[in-house]
Amino acid sequence: FFDAYKEYGIDIWGITPGNEPLDGFFPFF
């Protein structure tokens, strides 16, 4: 993903490991 956006001149400043990581523990999500 970083590579693909870099090809278009877009640099990524920051990242988190994943969005709302507790949500994924609930099968009804």
PDB file of all heavy atoms in Angstrom:
ATOM      1  N   PHE A   1       0.840  -1.203   0.000  1.00  0.00           N
ATOM      2  CA  PHE A   1       0.000   0.000   0.000  1.00  0.00           C
ATOM      3  C   PHE A   1       0.876   1.254   0.000  1.00  0.00           C
ATOM      4  O   PHE A   1       0.638   2.190  -0.760  1.00  0.00           O
ATOM      5  CB  PHE A   1      -0.922  -0.012   1.222  1.00  0.00           C
ATOM      6  CG  PHE A   1      -1.633   1.296   1.456  1.00  0.00           C
ATOM      7  CD1 PHE A   1      -2.759   1.629   0.718  1.00  0.00           C
ATOM      8  CD2 PHE A   1      -1.168   2.199   2.412  1.00  0.00           C
ATOM      9  CE1 PHE A   1      -3.422   2.837   0.926  1.00  0.00           C
ATOM     10  CE2 PHE A   1      -1.818   3.406   2.625  1.00  0.00           C
ATOM     11  CZ  PHE A   1      -2.947   3.730   1.882  1.00  0.00           C
ATOM     12  N   PHE A   2       1.895   1.277   0.855  1.00  0.00           N
ATOM     13  CA  PHE A   2       2.830   2.412   0.883  1.00  0.00           C
ATOM     14  C   PHE A   2       3.471   2.596  -0.493  1.00  0.00           C
ATOM     15  O   PHE A   2       3.583   3.712  -0.988  1.00  0.00           O
ATOM     16  CB  PHE A   2       3.914   2.178   1.943  1.00  0.00           C
ATOM     17  CG  PHE A   2       3.540   2.604   3.335  1.00  0.00           C
ATOM     18  CD1 PHE A   2       2.520   1.960   4.021  1.00  0.00           C
ATOM     19  CD2 PHE A   2       4.211   3.625   3.966  1.00  0.00           C
ATOM     20  CE1 PHE A   2       2.176   2.342   5.306  1.00  0.00           C
ATOM     21  CE2 PHE A   2       3.884   4.015   5.248  1.00  0.00           C
ATOM     22  CZ  PHE A   2       2.862   3.372   5.925  1.00  0.00           C
ATOM     23  N   ASP A   3       3.900   1.479  -1.099  1.00  0.00           N
ATOM     24  CA  ASP A   3       4.533   1.541  -2.416  1.00  0.00           C
ATOM     25  C   ASP A   3       3.576   2.122  -3.463  1.00  0.00           C
ATOM     26  O   ASP A   3       3.959   2.972  -4.278  1.00  0.00           O
ATOM     27  CB  ASP A   3       4.961   0.140  -2.870  1.00  0.00           C
ATOM     28  CG  ASP A   3       6.150  -0.411  -2.109  1.00  0.00           C
ATOM     29  OD1 ASP A   3       6.868   0.371  -1.464  1.00  0.00           O
ATOM     30  OD2 ASP A   3       6.349  -1.647  -2.161  1.00  0.00           O
ATOM     31  N   ALA A   4       2.334   1.634  -3.438  1.00  0.00           N
ATOM     32  CA  ALA A   4       1.360   2.031  -4.455  1.00  0.00           C
ATOM     33  C   ALA A   4       1.056   3.518  -4.383  1.00  0.00           C
ATOM     34  O   ALA A   4       0.969   4.204  -5.413  1.00  0.00           O
ATOM     35  CB  ALA A   4       0.080   1.217  -4.289  1.00  0.00           C
ATOM     36  N   TYR A   5       0.910   4.046  -3.178  1.00  0.00           N
ATOM     37  CA  TYR A   5       0.634   5.474  -3.032  1.00  0.00           C
ATOM     38  C   TYR A   5       1.883   6.311  -3.316  1.00  0.00           C
ATOM     39  O   TYR A   5       1.790   7.428  -3.836  1.00  0.00           O
ATOM     40  CB  TYR A   5       0.057   5.765  -1.642  1.00  0.00           C
ATOM     41  CG  TYR A   5      -1.460   5.688  -1.623  1.00  0.00           C
ATOM     42  CD1 TYR A   5      -2.122   4.490  -1.891  1.00  0.00           C
ATOM     43  CD2 TYR A   5      -2.236   6.809  -1.371  1.00  0.00           C
ATOM     44  CE1 TYR A   5      -3.500   4.405  -1.900  1.00  0.00           C
ATOM     45  CE2 TYR A   5      -3.618   6.748  -1.367  1.00  0.00           C
ATOM     46  CZ  TYR A   5      -4.248   5.537  -1.638  1.00  0.00           C
ATOM     47  OH  TYR A   5      -5.621   5.468  -1.659  1.00  0.00           O
ATOM     48  N   LYS A   6       3.043   5.763  -2.981  1.00  0.00           N
ATOM     49  CA  LYS A   6       4.304   6.460  -3.255  1.00  0.00           C
ATOM     50  C   LYS A   6       4.481   6.682  -4.756  1.00  0.00           C
ATOM     51  O   LYS A   6       5.025   7.720  -5.181  1.00  0.00           O
ATOM     52  CB  LYS A   6       5.472   5.638  -2.705  1.00  0.00           C
ATOM     53  CG  LYS A   6       6.849   6.241  -2.947  1.00  0.00           C
ATOM     54  CD  LYS A   6       7.084   7.462  -2.070  1.00  0.00           C
ATOM     55  CE  LYS A   6       8.515   7.941  -2.179  1.00  0.00           C
ATOM     56  NZ  LYS A   6       8.761   9.141  -1.348  1.00  0.00           N
ATOM     57  N   GLU A   7       4.030   5.743  -5.569  1.00  0.00           N
ATOM     58  CA  GLU A   7       4.142   5.880  -7.024  1.00  0.00           C
ATOM     59  C   GLU A   7       3.431   7.132  -7.533  1.00  0.00           C
ATOM     60  O   GLU A   7       3.786   7.665  -8.585  1.00  0.00           O
ATOM     61  CB  GLU A   7       3.562   4.638  -7.714  1.00  0.00           C
ATOM     62  CG  GLU A   7       4.452   3.417  -7.646  1.00  0.00           C
ATOM     63  CD  GLU A   7       3.861   2.257  -8.433  1.00  0.00           C
ATOM     64  OE1 GLU A   7       2.993   2.508  -9.305  1.00  0.00           O
ATOM     65  OE2 GLU A   7       4.264   1.106  -8.180  1.00  0.00           O
ATOM     66  N   TYR A   8       2.438   7.580  -6.783  1.00  0.00           N
ATOM     67  CA  TYR A   8       1.684   8.774  -7.178  1.00  0.00           C
ATOM     68  C   TYR A   8       2.112  10.009  -6.389  1.00  0.00           C
ATOM     69  O   TYR A   8       1.417  11.020  -6.360  1.00  0.00           O
ATOM     70  CB  TYR A   8       0.190   8.530  -6.992  1.00  0.00           C
ATOM     71  CG  TYR A   8      -0.352   7.487  -7.934  1.00  0.00           C
ATOM     72  CD1 TYR A   8      -0.477   6.151  -7.528  1.00  0.00           C
ATOM     73  CD2 TYR A   8      -0.722   7.813  -9.235  1.00  0.00           C
ATOM     74  CE1 TYR A   8      -0.966   5.181  -8.399  1.00  0.00           C
ATOM     75  CE2 TYR A   8      -1.214   6.848 -10.105  1.00  0.00           C
ATOM     76  CZ  TYR A   8      -1.336   5.540  -9.676  1.00  0.00           C
ATOM     77  OH  TYR A   8      -1.816   4.579 -10.543  1.00  0.00           O
ATOM     78  N   GLY A   9       3.269   9.904  -5.743  1.00  0.00           N
ATOM     79  CA  GLY A   9       3.818  11.050  -5.035  1.00  0.00           C
ATOM     80  C   GLY A   9       3.176  11.317  -3.690  1.00  0.00           C
ATOM     81  O   GLY A   9       3.292  12.432  -3.154  1.00  0.00           O
ATOM     82  N   ILE A  10       2.534  10.319  -3.118  1.00  0.00           N
ATOM     83  CA  ILE A  10       1.857  10.493  -1.828  1.00  0.00           C
ATOM     84  C   ILE A  10       2.605   9.730  -0.754  1.00  0.00           C
ATOM     85  O   ILE A  10       2.711   8.495  -0.795  1.00  0.00           O
ATOM     86  CB  ILE A  10       0.396  10.028  -1.908  1.00  0.00           C
ATOM     87  CG1 ILE A  10      -0.363  10.904  -2.914  1.00  0.00           C
ATOM     88  CG2 ILE A  10      -0.275  10.073  -0.538  1.00  0.00           C
ATOM     89  CD1 ILE A  10      -1.781  10.483  -3.158  1.00  0.00           C
ATOM     90  N   ASP A  11       3.157  10.461   0.199  1.00  0.00           N
ATOM     91  CA  ASP A  11       3.892   9.879   1.313  1.00  0.00           C
ATOM     92  C   ASP A  11       2.970   9.740   2.524  1.00  0.00           C
ATOM     93  O   ASP A  11       2.135  10.611   2.786  1.00  0.00           O
ATOM     94  CB  ASP A  11       5.091  10.742   1.686  1.00  0.00           C
ATOM     95  CG  ASP A  11       6.121  10.816   0.560  1.00  0.00           C
ATOM     96  OD1 ASP A  11       6.421   9.758  -0.018  1.00  0.00           O
ATOM     97  OD2 ASP A  11       6.585  11.938   0.253  1.00  0.00           O
ATOM     98  N   ILE A  12       3.151   8.665   3.266  1.00  0.00           N
ATOM     99  CA  ILE A  12       2.361   8.409   4.466  1.00  0.00           C
ATOM    100  C   ILE A  12       3.144   8.876   5.686  1.00  0.00           C
ATOM    101  O   ILE A  12       4.264   8.429   5.919  1.00  0.00           O
ATOM    102  CB  ILE A  12       2.009   6.915   4.598  1.00  0.00           C
ATOM    103  CG1 ILE A  12       1.336   6.395   3.315  1.00  0.00           C
ATOM    104  CG2 ILE A  12       1.129   6.675   5.822  1.00  0.00           C
ATOM    105  CD1 ILE A  12       0.028   7.071   2.975  1.00  0.00           C
ATOM    106  N   TRP A  13       2.540   9.767   6.458  1.00  0.00           N
ATOM    107  CA  TRP A  13       3.202  10.315   7.656  1.00  0.00           C
ATOM    108  C   TRP A  13       3.119   9.367   8.838  1.00  0.00           C
ATOM    109  O   TRP A  13       4.073   9.212   9.590  1.00  0.00           O
ATOM    110  CB  TRP A  13       2.570  11.657   8.025  1.00  0.00           C
ATOM    111  CG  TRP A  13       2.976  12.190   9.367  1.00  0.00           C
ATOM    112  CD1 TRP A  13       4.129  12.871   9.672  1.00  0.00           C
ATOM    113  CD2 TRP A  13       2.249  12.071  10.602  1.00  0.00           C
ATOM    114  NE1 TRP A  13       4.156  13.191  11.016  1.00  0.00           N
ATOM    115  CE2 TRP A  13       3.009  12.709  11.602  1.00  0.00           C
ATOM    116  CE3 TRP A  13       1.011  11.503  10.945  1.00  0.00           C
ATOM    117  CZ2 TRP A  13       2.574  12.792  12.933  1.00  0.00           C
ATOM    118  CZ3 TRP A  13       0.585  11.575  12.255  1.00  0.00           C
ATOM    119  CH2 TRP A  13       1.359  12.208  13.224  1.00  0.00           C
ATOM    120  N   GLY A  14       1.955   8.735   9.042  1.00  0.00           N
ATOM    121  CA  GLY A  14       1.768   7.934  10.243  1.00  0.00           C
ATOM    122  C   GLY A  14       0.879   6.730  10.010  1.00  0.00           C
ATOM    123  O   GLY A  14       0.162   6.632   9.008  1.00  0.00           O
ATOM    124  N   ILE A  15       0.913   5.795  10.968  1.00  0.00           N
ATOM    125  CA  ILE A  15       0.132   4.566  10.853  1.00  0.00           C
ATOM    126  C   ILE A  15      -0.191   4.024  12.238  1.00  0.00           C
ATOM    127  O   ILE A  15       0.577   4.238  13.191  1.00  0.00           O
ATOM    128  CB  ILE A  15       0.890   3.499  10.022  1.00  0.00           C
ATOM    129  CG1 ILE A  15       0.002   2.298   9.728  1.00  0.00           C
ATOM    130  CG2 ILE A  15       2.187   3.087  10.712  1.00  0.00           C
ATOM    131  CD1 ILE A  15       0.612   1.309   8.735  1.00  0.00           C
ATOM    132  N   THR A  16      -1.329   3.345  12.343  1.00  0.00           N
ATOM    133  CA  THR A  16      -1.653   2.586  13.546  1.00  0.00           C
ATOM    134  C   THR A  16      -1.742   1.107  13.152  1.00  0.00           C
ATOM    135  O   THR A  16      -1.984   0.784  11.985  1.00  0.00           O
ATOM    136  CB  THR A  16      -2.992   3.035  14.174  1.00  0.00           C
ATOM    137  OG1 THR A  16      -4.084   2.619  13.340  1.00  0.00           O
ATOM    138  CG2 THR A  16      -3.037   4.552  14.346  1.00  0.00           C
ATOM    139  N   PRO A  17      -1.576   0.184  14.105  1.00  0.00           N
ATOM    140  CA  PRO A  17      -1.615  -1.247  13.762  1.00  0.00           C
ATOM    141  C   PRO A  17      -2.941  -1.694  13.163  1.00  0.00           C
ATOM    142  O   PRO A  17      -2.979  -2.626  12.363  1.00  0.00           O
ATOM    143  CB  PRO A  17      -1.352  -1.939  15.103  1.00  0.00           C
ATOM    144  CG  PRO A  17      -0.580  -0.935  15.895  1.00  0.00           C
ATOM    145  CD  PRO A  17      -1.153   0.397  15.490  1.00  0.00           C
ATOM    146  N   GLY A  18      -4.042  -1.058  13.568  1.00  0.00           N
ATOM    147  CA  GLY A  18      -5.340  -1.438  13.023  1.00  0.00           C
ATOM    148  C   GLY A  18      -6.444  -0.603  13.630  1.00  0.00           C
ATOM    149  O   GLY A  18      -6.334  -0.114  14.760  1.00  0.00           O
ATOM    150  N   ASN A  19      -7.524  -0.427  12.894  1.00  0.00           N
ATOM    151  CA  ASN A  19      -8.641   0.374  13.369  1.00  0.00           C
ATOM    152  C   ASN A  19      -9.454  -0.390  14.421  1.00  0.00           C
ATOM    153  O   ASN A  19      -9.816  -1.542  14.215  1.00  0.00           O
ATOM    154  CB  ASN A  19      -9.556   0.725  12.192  1.00  0.00           C
ATOM    155  CG  ASN A  19     -10.780   1.503  12.627  1.00  0.00           C
ATOM    156  OD1 ASN A  19     -10.696   2.675  12.964  1.00  0.00           O
ATOM    157  ND2 ASN A  19     -11.943   0.852  12.632  1.00  0.00           N
ATOM    158  N   GLU A  20      -9.724   0.247  15.540  1.00  0.00           N
ATOM    159  CA  GLU A  20     -10.574  -0.275  16.615  1.00  0.00           C
ATOM    160  C   GLU A  20     -10.325  -1.771  16.864  1.00  0.00           C
ATOM    161  O   GLU A  20     -11.184  -2.618  16.586  1.00  0.00           O
ATOM    162  CB  GLU A  20     -12.041   0.015  16.317  1.00  0.00           C
ATOM    163  CG  GLU A  20     -12.313   1.518  16.256  1.00  0.00           C
ATOM    164  CD  GLU A  20     -13.779   1.891  16.164  1.00  0.00           C
ATOM    165  OE1 GLU A  20     -14.624   0.986  15.983  1.00  0.00           O
ATOM    166  OE2 GLU A  20     -14.083   3.097  16.267  1.00  0.00           O
ATOM    167  N   PRO A  21      -9.170  -2.101  17.399  1.00  0.00           N
ATOM    168  CA  PRO A  21      -8.745  -3.501  17.496  1.00  0.00           C
ATOM    169  C   PRO A  21      -9.603  -4.395  18.381  1.00  0.00           C
ATOM    170  O   PRO A  21      -9.560  -5.615  18.228  1.00  0.00           O
ATOM    171  CB  PRO A  21      -7.315  -3.390  18.038  1.00  0.00           C
ATOM    172  CG  PRO A  21      -7.249  -2.047  18.694  1.00  0.00           C
ATOM    173  CD  PRO A  21      -8.129  -1.172  17.890  1.00  0.00           C
ATOM    174  N   LEU A  22     -10.381  -3.820  19.293  1.00  0.00           N
ATOM    175  CA  LEU A  22     -11.225  -4.672  20.133  1.00  0.00           C
ATOM    176  C   LEU A  22     -12.454  -5.172  19.388  1.00  0.00           C
ATOM    177  O   LEU A  22     -13.022  -6.210  19.731  1.00  0.00           O
ATOM    178  CB  LEU A  22     -11.653  -3.928  21.403  1.00  0.00           C
ATOM    179  CG  LEU A  22     -10.550  -3.600  22.418  1.00  0.00           C
ATOM    180  CD1 LEU A  22     -11.158  -3.154  23.730  1.00  0.00           C
ATOM    181  CD2 LEU A  22      -9.610  -4.787  22.644  1.00  0.00           C
ATOM    182  N   ASP A  23     -12.883  -4.442  18.344  1.00  0.00           N
ATOM    183  CA  ASP A  23     -14.090  -4.833  17.608  1.00  0.00           C
ATOM    184  C   ASP A  23     -13.968  -6.238  17.026  1.00  0.00           C
ATOM    185  O   ASP A  23     -14.947  -6.992  16.954  1.00  0.00           O
ATOM    186  CB  ASP A  23     -14.360  -3.857  16.452  1.00  0.00           C
ATOM    187  CG  ASP A  23     -14.715  -2.464  16.936  1.00  0.00           C
ATOM    188  OD1 ASP A  23     -14.962  -2.303  18.148  1.00  0.00           O
ATOM    189  OD2 ASP A  23     -14.735  -1.538  16.105  1.00  0.00           O
ATOM    190  N   GLY A  24     -12.772  -6.592  16.598  1.00  0.00           N
ATOM    191  CA  GLY A  24     -12.575  -7.862  15.903  1.00  0.00           C
ATOM    192  C   GLY A  24     -12.711  -9.104  16.757  1.00  0.00           C
ATOM    193  O   GLY A  24     -12.662 -10.214  16.233  1.00  0.00           O
ATOM    194  N   PHE A  25     -12.900  -8.921  18.064  1.00  0.00           N
ATOM    195  CA  PHE A  25     -13.063 -10.080  18.939  1.00  0.00           C
ATOM    196  C   PHE A  25     -14.526 -10.490  19.089  1.00  0.00           C
ATOM    197  O   PHE A  25     -14.825 -11.453  19.799  1.00  0.00           O
ATOM    198  CB  PHE A  25     -12.460  -9.787  20.317  1.00  0.00           C
ATOM    199  CG  PHE A  25     -10.962  -9.703  20.302  1.00  0.00           C
ATOM    200  CD1 PHE A  25     -10.317  -8.474  20.384  1.00  0.00           C
ATOM    201  CD2 PHE A  25     -10.183 -10.843  20.179  1.00  0.00           C
ATOM    202  CE1 PHE A  25      -8.937  -8.387  20.361  1.00  0.00           C
ATOM    203  CE2 PHE A  25      -8.801 -10.776  20.150  1.00  0.00           C
ATOM    204  CZ  PHE A  25      -8.170  -9.536  20.239  1.00  0.00           C
ATOM    205  N   PHE A  26     -15.433  -9.769  18.423  1.00  0.00           N
ATOM    206  CA  PHE A  26     -16.861 -10.036  18.583  1.00  0.00           C
ATOM    207  C   PHE A  26     -17.452 -10.541  17.265  1.00  0.00           C
ATOM    208  O   PHE A  26     -17.565  -9.786  16.300  1.00  0.00           O
ATOM    209  CB  PHE A  26     -17.576  -8.774  19.039  1.00  0.00           C
ATOM    210  CG  PHE A  26     -17.056  -8.240  20.349  1.00  0.00           C
ATOM    211  CD1 PHE A  26     -16.139  -7.193  20.376  1.00  0.00           C
ATOM    212  CD2 PHE A  26     -17.457  -8.805  21.550  1.00  0.00           C
ATOM    213  CE1 PHE A  26     -15.647  -6.705  21.577  1.00  0.00           C
ATOM    214  CE2 PHE A  26     -16.971  -8.331  22.757  1.00  0.00           C
ATOM    215  CZ  PHE A  26     -16.070  -7.284  22.785  1.00  0.00           C
ATOM    216  N   PRO A  27     -17.846 -11.819  17.211  1.00  0.00           N
ATOM    217  CA  PRO A  27     -18.369 -12.403  15.966  1.00  0.00           C
ATOM    218  C   PRO A  27     -19.617 -11.710  15.434  1.00  0.00           C
ATOM    219  O   PRO A  27     -19.918 -11.843  14.244  1.00  0.00           O
ATOM    220  CB  PRO A  27     -18.679 -13.851  16.375  1.00  0.00           C
ATOM    221  CG  PRO A  27     -17.780 -14.121  17.526  1.00  0.00           C
ATOM    222  CD  PRO A  27     -17.686 -12.821  18.278  1.00  0.00           C
ATOM    223  N   PHE A  28     -20.357 -11.020  16.297  1.00  0.00           N
ATOM    224  CA  PHE A  28     -21.569 -10.340  15.857  1.00  0.00           C
ATOM    225  C   PHE A  28     -21.286  -8.956  15.286  1.00  0.00           C
ATOM    226  O   PHE A  28     -22.217  -8.248  14.911  1.00  0.00           O
ATOM    227  CB  PHE A  28     -22.561 -10.218  17.022  1.00  0.00           C
ATOM    228  CG  PHE A  28     -21.994  -9.585  18.258  1.00  0.00           C
ATOM    229  CD1 PHE A  28     -21.845  -8.204  18.362  1.00  0.00           C
ATOM    230  CD2 PHE A  28     -21.592 -10.375  19.330  1.00  0.00           C
ATOM    231  CE1 PHE A  28     -21.310  -7.625  19.499  1.00  0.00           C
ATOM    232  CE2 PHE A  28     -21.058  -9.799  20.478  1.00  0.00           C
ATOM    233  CZ  PHE A  28     -20.923  -8.419  20.569  1.00  0.00           C
ATOM    234  N   PHE A  29     -19.997  -8.573  15.197  1.00  0.00           N
ATOM    235  CA  PHE A  29     -19.672  -7.240  14.697  1.00  0.00           C
ATOM    236  C   PHE A  29     -20.105  -7.121  13.238  1.00  0.00           C
ATOM    237  O   PHE A  29     -20.043  -8.090  12.477  1.00  0.00           O
ATOM    238  CB  PHE A  29     -18.172  -6.956  14.849  1.00  0.00           C
ATOM    239  CG  PHE A  29     -17.859  -5.480  14.880  1.00  0.00           C
ATOM    240  CD1 PHE A  29     -18.214  -4.716  15.968  1.00  0.00           C
ATOM    241  CD2 PHE A  29     -17.236  -4.871  13.815  1.00  0.00           C
ATOM    242  CE1 PHE A  29     -17.955  -3.359  16.003  1.00  0.00           C
ATOM    243  CE2 PHE A  29     -16.969  -3.508  13.835  1.00  0.00           C
ATOM    244  CZ  PHE A  29     -17.325  -2.759  14.932  1.00  0.00           C
TER     245      PHE A  29
END
